[in-house]
Every structure is written in C-alpha cells, then in structure tokens.
C-alpha cells in the first residue's frame, strides 16, 4: 500500500471473573498482650540491623511490615508450613516493660493458624483455618465443579459430616 504507517489492530480478551474467598477474622490480629509500640515502617527500617531473628537482634516494636505480636508460646510450635502463608518463623521483639526479648508470631491473616493446644476435637492440638476459597456458581456444569463436589462428598462421608 502507499501508506506504510497503517494502524495495527490487536485483538484482546478480558475476563472480569474475580476470585472470592471467605476470611474468618479473630482477635489475634489486634491482641497485643505485651503492649509493643506500633512504629511506622520508616522507624522500623531505621534499625536495619535488628531483624528479630535472634534474641540479640530483637525488634524495638511492631509495624505494618513487622506485624508480630502474638506470643509464640500461644501456639504449640508444631506446624505444617504452607507456601501461601507469608509469615515466617517466630521473631523476637523487645518487651517494652523490661527490654527482654519475647518470641512472637505474625498476627495477620493466615490460611491455617499454627496448632493451638487444647482446641482439637479430643482436647489435643488443633488448627483453625481462616481462609476459604469460594468457587464461582457458573462452574456448576464444569467438570472441575463436579470433581470438587465429588471430593466434598467423599470427605464428608469419611468424617461423618453432612453438607
């Protein structure tokens, strides 16, 4: 053609499907039994040598980046790590009353909380799931939906629950 600068047309497709999940909140997200001071992220980053990994490097307080104020001893210490849970192992934070390092765990939302003593069905260690994916309704005729419902039935029958 005579015009070498013809417009290029691209065909694009978009989906507006939004993944939905139910998140059960609990008081652990705001429970601060030691009264750790809430620092801004810049205040927390100012002490870059303090990473909380050891008692000697205990954090001075908590921040949005270091949201660790649930006592580590609240959990049994036995956990199965999930790659989707972004919380790392216990960190140490200085107790504002006496400056001693205290082991703490992430206080944010977990997929499954670490085991807690005494909450299992027989009084043993138990876990609490906080996040549940919600399958879209329009998947009912899809084979994935059918397989999900089949697994639900098998698991429900195996443990005696009805759905």
C-alpha atoms as a PDB file:
ATOM      1  CA  UNK A   1       0.000   0.000   0.000  1.00  0.00           C
ATOM      2  CA  UNK A   2       1.046   3.594  -0.406  1.00  0.00           C
ATOM      3  CA  UNK A   3       0.782   4.355   3.321  1.00  0.00           C
ATOM      4  CA  UNK A   4       3.495   2.466   5.210  1.00  0.00           C
ATOM      5  CA  UNK A   5       2.216   3.708   8.595  1.00  0.00           C
ATOM      6  CA  UNK A   6      -1.048   1.802   8.772  1.00  0.00           C
ATOM      7  CA  UNK A   7      -2.500   1.350  12.239  1.00  0.00           C
ATOM      8  CA  UNK A   8      -2.008  -2.014  13.896  1.00  0.00           C
ATOM      9  CA  UNK A   9      -5.088  -3.578  15.447  1.00  0.00           C
ATOM     10  CA  UNK A  10      -4.760  -6.037  18.290  1.00  0.00           C
ATOM     11  CA  UNK A  11      -7.459  -8.343  19.486  1.00  0.00           C
ATOM     12  CA  UNK A  12      -7.615  -8.619  23.251  1.00  0.00           C
ATOM     13  CA  UNK A  13      -9.896 -10.543  25.544  1.00  0.00           C
ATOM     14  CA  UNK A  14     -10.568  -9.734  29.155  1.00  0.00           C
ATOM     15  CA  UNK A  15     -12.202 -11.594  31.985  1.00  0.00           C
ATOM     16  CA  UNK A  16     -13.967  -9.921  34.844  1.00  0.00           C
ATOM     17  CA  UNK A  17     -14.064 -13.049  36.993  1.00  0.00           C
ATOM     18  CA  UNK A  18     -12.836 -12.062  40.428  1.00  0.00           C
ATOM     19  CA  UNK A  19     -11.623 -14.811  42.776  1.00  0.00           C
ATOM     20  CA  UNK A  20     -13.540 -14.644  46.025  1.00  0.00           C
ATOM     21  CA  UNK A  21     -12.637 -16.076  49.397  1.00  0.00           C
ATOM     22  CA  UNK A  22     -14.163 -16.070  52.850  1.00  0.00           C
ATOM     23  CA  UNK A  23     -11.820 -14.840  55.539  1.00  0.00           C
ATOM     24  CA  UNK A  24     -12.680 -15.527  59.157  1.00  0.00           C
ATOM     25  CA  UNK A  25     -11.164 -12.857  61.383  1.00  0.00           C
ATOM     26  CA  UNK A  26     -10.253 -13.381  65.023  1.00  0.00           C
ATOM     27  CA  UNK A  27      -8.985 -11.294  67.944  1.00  0.00           C
ATOM     28  CA  UNK A  28      -5.369 -12.439  67.441  1.00  0.00           C
ATOM     29  CA  UNK A  29      -4.983  -9.740  64.800  1.00  0.00           C
ATOM     30  CA  UNK A  30      -5.292  -6.963  67.375  1.00  0.00           C
ATOM     31  CA  UNK A  31      -4.318  -8.731  70.615  1.00  0.00           C
ATOM     32  CA  UNK A  32      -1.134  -7.090  71.883  1.00  0.00           C
ATOM     33  CA  UNK A  33      -0.594  -8.620  75.358  1.00  0.00           C
ATOM     34  CA  UNK A  34       2.878  -7.113  75.817  1.00  0.00           C
ATOM     35  CA  UNK A  35       1.879  -3.618  74.683  1.00  0.00           C
ATOM     36  CA  UNK A  36       4.510  -3.409  71.930  1.00  0.00           C
ATOM     37  CA  UNK A  37       4.697   0.099  70.458  1.00  0.00           C
ATOM     38  CA  UNK A  38       3.382   0.444  66.898  1.00  0.00           C
ATOM     39  CA  UNK A  39       6.136   2.012  64.780  1.00  0.00           C
ATOM     40  CA  UNK A  40       5.915   3.457  61.314  1.00  0.00           C
ATOM     41  CA  UNK A  41       7.650   1.417  58.623  1.00  0.00           C
ATOM     42  CA  UNK A  42      10.383   4.078  58.358  1.00  0.00           C
ATOM     43  CA  UNK A  43      11.002   3.923  62.137  1.00  0.00           C
ATOM     44  CA  UNK A  44      11.190   0.138  61.967  1.00  0.00           C
ATOM     45  CA  UNK A  45      13.574   0.271  58.983  1.00  0.00           C
ATOM     46  CA  UNK A  46      15.856   2.762  60.784  1.00  0.00           C
ATOM     47  CA  UNK A  47      17.234  -0.117  62.860  1.00  0.00           C
ATOM     48  CA  UNK A  48      18.095  -2.253  59.845  1.00  0.00           C
ATOM     49  CA  UNK A  49      20.477  -4.428  61.886  1.00  0.00           C
ATOM     50  CA  UNK A  50      17.590  -5.526  64.107  1.00  0.00           C
ATOM     51  CA  UNK A  51      15.748  -8.226  62.218  1.00  0.00           C
ATOM     52  CA  UNK A  52      14.204 -10.122  65.151  1.00  0.00           C
ATOM     53  CA  UNK A  53      15.752 -13.441  64.073  1.00  0.00           C
ATOM     54  CA  UNK A  54      17.660 -13.854  67.349  1.00  0.00           C
ATOM     55  CA  UNK A  55      17.087 -12.517  70.884  1.00  0.00           C
ATOM     56  CA  UNK A  56      20.158 -10.270  70.445  1.00  0.00           C
ATOM     57  CA  UNK A  57      18.588  -8.658  67.349  1.00  0.00           C
ATOM     58  CA  UNK A  58      15.095  -8.224  68.829  1.00  0.00           C
ATOM     59  CA  UNK A  59      12.897  -5.625  67.132  1.00  0.00           C
ATOM     60  CA  UNK A  60      12.187  -2.392  69.032  1.00  0.00           C
ATOM     61  CA  UNK A  61       8.457  -2.575  68.286  1.00  0.00           C
ATOM     62  CA  UNK A  62       5.983  -3.733  65.665  1.00  0.00           C
ATOM     63  CA  UNK A  63       4.964  -2.102  62.376  1.00  0.00           C
ATOM     64  CA  UNK A  64       2.883  -2.897  59.322  1.00  0.00           C
ATOM     65  CA  UNK A  65       5.931  -4.662  57.885  1.00  0.00           C
ATOM     66  CA  UNK A  66       6.779  -6.471  61.136  1.00  0.00           C
ATOM     67  CA  UNK A  67       3.288  -7.269  62.441  1.00  0.00           C
ATOM     68  CA  UNK A  68       4.467  -9.778  65.061  1.00  0.00           C
ATOM     69  CA  UNK A  69       2.826  -9.501  68.469  1.00  0.00           C
ATOM     70  CA  UNK A  70       1.045 -12.792  69.100  1.00  0.00           C
ATOM     71  CA  UNK A  71       3.100 -14.638  71.755  1.00  0.00           C
ATOM     72  CA  UNK A  72       4.923 -17.617  70.241  1.00  0.00           C
ATOM     73  CA  UNK A  73       4.040 -19.726  73.280  1.00  0.00           C
ATOM     74  CA  UNK A  74       0.328 -19.335  72.436  1.00  0.00           C
ATOM     75  CA  UNK A  75       0.934 -21.909  69.695  1.00  0.00           C
ATOM     76  CA  UNK A  76       2.308 -25.422  70.235  1.00  0.00           C
ATOM     77  CA  UNK A  77       5.251 -24.882  67.911  1.00  0.00           C
ATOM     78  CA  UNK A  78       4.147 -27.773  65.696  1.00  0.00           C
ATOM     79  CA  UNK A  79       3.073 -26.575  62.285  1.00  0.00           C
ATOM     80  CA  UNK A  80       2.967 -27.649  58.691  1.00  0.00           C
ATOM     81  CA  UNK A  81       4.291 -24.742  56.653  1.00  0.00           C
ATOM     82  CA  UNK A  82       2.146 -23.626  53.748  1.00  0.00           C
ATOM     83  CA  UNK A  83       3.942 -21.775  50.943  1.00  0.00           C
ATOM     84  CA  UNK A  84       0.973 -19.417  50.632  1.00  0.00           C
ATOM     85  CA  UNK A  85       1.326 -18.258  54.259  1.00  0.00           C
ATOM     86  CA  UNK A  86       3.831 -15.425  54.098  1.00  0.00           C
ATOM     87  CA  UNK A  87       4.555 -15.304  57.816  1.00  0.00           C
ATOM     88  CA  UNK A  88       7.971 -16.616  58.715  1.00  0.00           C
ATOM     89  CA  UNK A  89       9.002 -18.356  61.907  1.00  0.00           C
ATOM     90  CA  UNK A  90       8.890 -16.655  65.291  1.00  0.00           C
ATOM     91  CA  UNK A  91      10.616 -13.279  65.623  1.00  0.00           C
ATOM     92  CA  UNK A  92      11.823 -11.573  68.769  1.00  0.00           C
ATOM     93  CA  UNK A  93      10.519  -8.195  69.901  1.00  0.00           C
ATOM     94  CA  UNK A  94      11.742  -6.275  72.962  1.00  0.00           C
ATOM     95  CA  UNK A  95       9.256  -6.264  75.827  1.00  0.00           C
ATOM     96  CA  UNK A  96       8.517  -2.559  76.492  1.00  0.00           C
ATOM     97  CA  UNK A  97       8.346  -3.183  80.261  1.00  0.00           C
ATOM     98  CA  UNK A  98      11.814  -4.631  80.835  1.00  0.00           C
ATOM     99  CA  UNK A  99      13.562  -4.781  77.431  1.00  0.00           C
ATOM    100  CA  UNK A 100      13.761  -8.576  77.426  1.00  0.00           C
ATOM    101  CA  UNK A 101      13.299 -10.310  74.038  1.00  0.00           C
ATOM    102  CA  UNK A 102       9.964 -12.078  73.594  1.00  0.00           C
ATOM    103  CA  UNK A 103       9.233 -14.679  70.897  1.00  0.00           C
ATOM    104  CA  UNK A 104       6.290 -13.577  68.767  1.00  0.00           C
ATOM    105  CA  UNK A 105       4.376 -14.810  65.718  1.00  0.00           C
ATOM    106  CA  UNK A 106       2.764 -12.984  62.836  1.00  0.00           C
ATOM    107  CA  UNK A 107      -0.590 -11.523  63.864  1.00  0.00           C
ATOM    108  CA  UNK A 108      -2.023 -11.166  60.374  1.00  0.00           C
ATOM    109  CA  UNK A 109      -4.342 -13.451  58.458  1.00  0.00           C
ATOM    110  CA  UNK A 110      -3.094 -16.992  57.941  1.00  0.00           C
ATOM    111  CA  UNK A 111      -4.528 -19.697  55.702  1.00  0.00           C
ATOM    112  CA  UNK A 112      -4.283 -22.081  58.661  1.00  0.00           C
ATOM    113  CA  UNK A 113      -3.111 -20.881  62.062  1.00  0.00           C
ATOM    114  CA  UNK A 114      -0.318 -22.893  63.708  1.00  0.00           C
ATOM    115  CA  UNK A 115      -1.533 -25.598  66.091  1.00  0.00           C
ATOM    116  CA  UNK A 116      -3.106 -24.375  69.336  1.00  0.00           C
ATOM    117  CA  UNK A 117      -3.126 -26.619  72.396  1.00  0.00           C
ATOM    118  CA  UNK A 118      -6.495 -27.903  73.588  1.00  0.00           C
ATOM    119  CA  UNK A 119      -8.748 -26.937  70.676  1.00  0.00           C
ATOM    120  CA  UNK A 120      -8.748 -30.298  68.879  1.00  0.00           C
ATOM    121  CA  UNK A 121     -11.900 -32.469  68.965  1.00  0.00           C
ATOM    122  CA  UNK A 122     -10.468 -34.619  71.786  1.00  0.00           C
ATOM    123  CA  UNK A 123      -8.684 -31.802  73.630  1.00  0.00           C
ATOM    124  CA  UNK A 124      -5.487 -32.280  71.645  1.00  0.00           C
ATOM    125  CA  UNK A 125      -3.688 -29.753  69.484  1.00  0.00           C
ATOM    126  CA  UNK A 126      -5.889 -28.314  66.766  1.00  0.00           C
ATOM    127  CA  UNK A 127      -5.683 -25.876  63.896  1.00  0.00           C
ATOM    128  CA  UNK A 128      -8.052 -23.190  62.691  1.00  0.00           C
ATOM    129  CA  UNK A 129      -8.438 -22.386  59.023  1.00  0.00           C
ATOM    130  CA  UNK A 130      -9.008 -18.686  58.311  1.00  0.00           C
ATOM    131  CA  UNK A 131      -9.243 -18.532  54.524  1.00  0.00           C
ATOM    132  CA  UNK A 132     -11.657 -20.469  52.319  1.00  0.00           C
ATOM    133  CA  UNK A 133     -11.871 -20.095  48.525  1.00  0.00           C
ATOM    134  CA  UNK A 134     -15.353 -19.716  47.069  1.00  0.00           C
ATOM    135  CA  UNK A 135     -15.943 -21.424  43.739  1.00  0.00           C
ATOM    136  CA  UNK A 136     -17.967 -19.395  41.255  1.00  0.00           C
ATOM    137  CA  UNK A 137     -21.566 -20.528  40.749  1.00  0.00           C
ATOM    138  CA  UNK A 138     -21.216 -20.574  36.971  1.00  0.00           C
ATOM    139  CA  UNK A 139     -18.841 -23.531  37.310  1.00  0.00           C
ATOM    140  CA  UNK A 140     -21.693 -25.944  38.101  1.00  0.00           C
ATOM    141  CA  UNK A 141     -21.645 -27.575  34.679  1.00  0.00           C
ATOM    142  CA  UNK A 142     -17.868 -27.617  34.521  1.00  0.00           C
ATOM    143  CA  UNK A 143     -16.005 -30.879  35.220  1.00  0.00           C
ATOM    144  CA  UNK A 144     -13.865 -29.104  37.833  1.00  0.00           C
ATOM    145  CA  UNK A 145     -17.032 -28.246  39.783  1.00  0.00           C
ATOM    146  CA  UNK A 146     -18.237 -31.836  39.540  1.00  0.00           C
ATOM    147  CA  UNK A 147     -14.898 -33.155  40.810  1.00  0.00           C
ATOM    148  CA  UNK A 148     -14.905 -30.635  43.672  1.00  0.00           C
ATOM    149  CA  UNK A 149     -18.389 -31.744  44.719  1.00  0.00           C
ATOM    150  CA  UNK A 150     -17.339 -35.419  44.463  1.00  0.00           C
ATOM    151  CA  UNK A 151     -14.326 -34.821  46.731  1.00  0.00           C
ATOM    152  CA  UNK A 152     -16.581 -32.895  49.143  1.00  0.00           C
ATOM    153  CA  UNK A 153     -18.957 -35.866  49.330  1.00  0.00           C
ATOM    154  CA  UNK A 154     -16.141 -38.380  49.845  1.00  0.00           C
ATOM    155  CA  UNK A 155     -14.567 -36.299  52.627  1.00  0.00           C
ATOM    156  CA  UNK A 156     -17.902 -35.524  54.271  1.00  0.00           C
ATOM    157  CA  UNK A 157     -18.891 -39.204  54.294  1.00  0.00           C
ATOM    158  CA  UNK A 158     -15.457 -40.210  55.626  1.00  0.00           C
ATOM    159  CA  UNK A 159     -15.635 -37.938  58.674  1.00  0.00           C
ATOM    160  CA  UNK A 160     -19.366 -38.081  59.229  1.00  0.00           C
ATOM    161  CA  UNK A 161     -20.319 -34.518  58.313  1.00  0.00           C
ATOM    162  CA  UNK A 162     -23.244 -33.559  56.197  1.00  0.00           C
ATOM    163  CA  UNK A 163     -23.141 -30.551  53.920  1.00  0.00           C
END
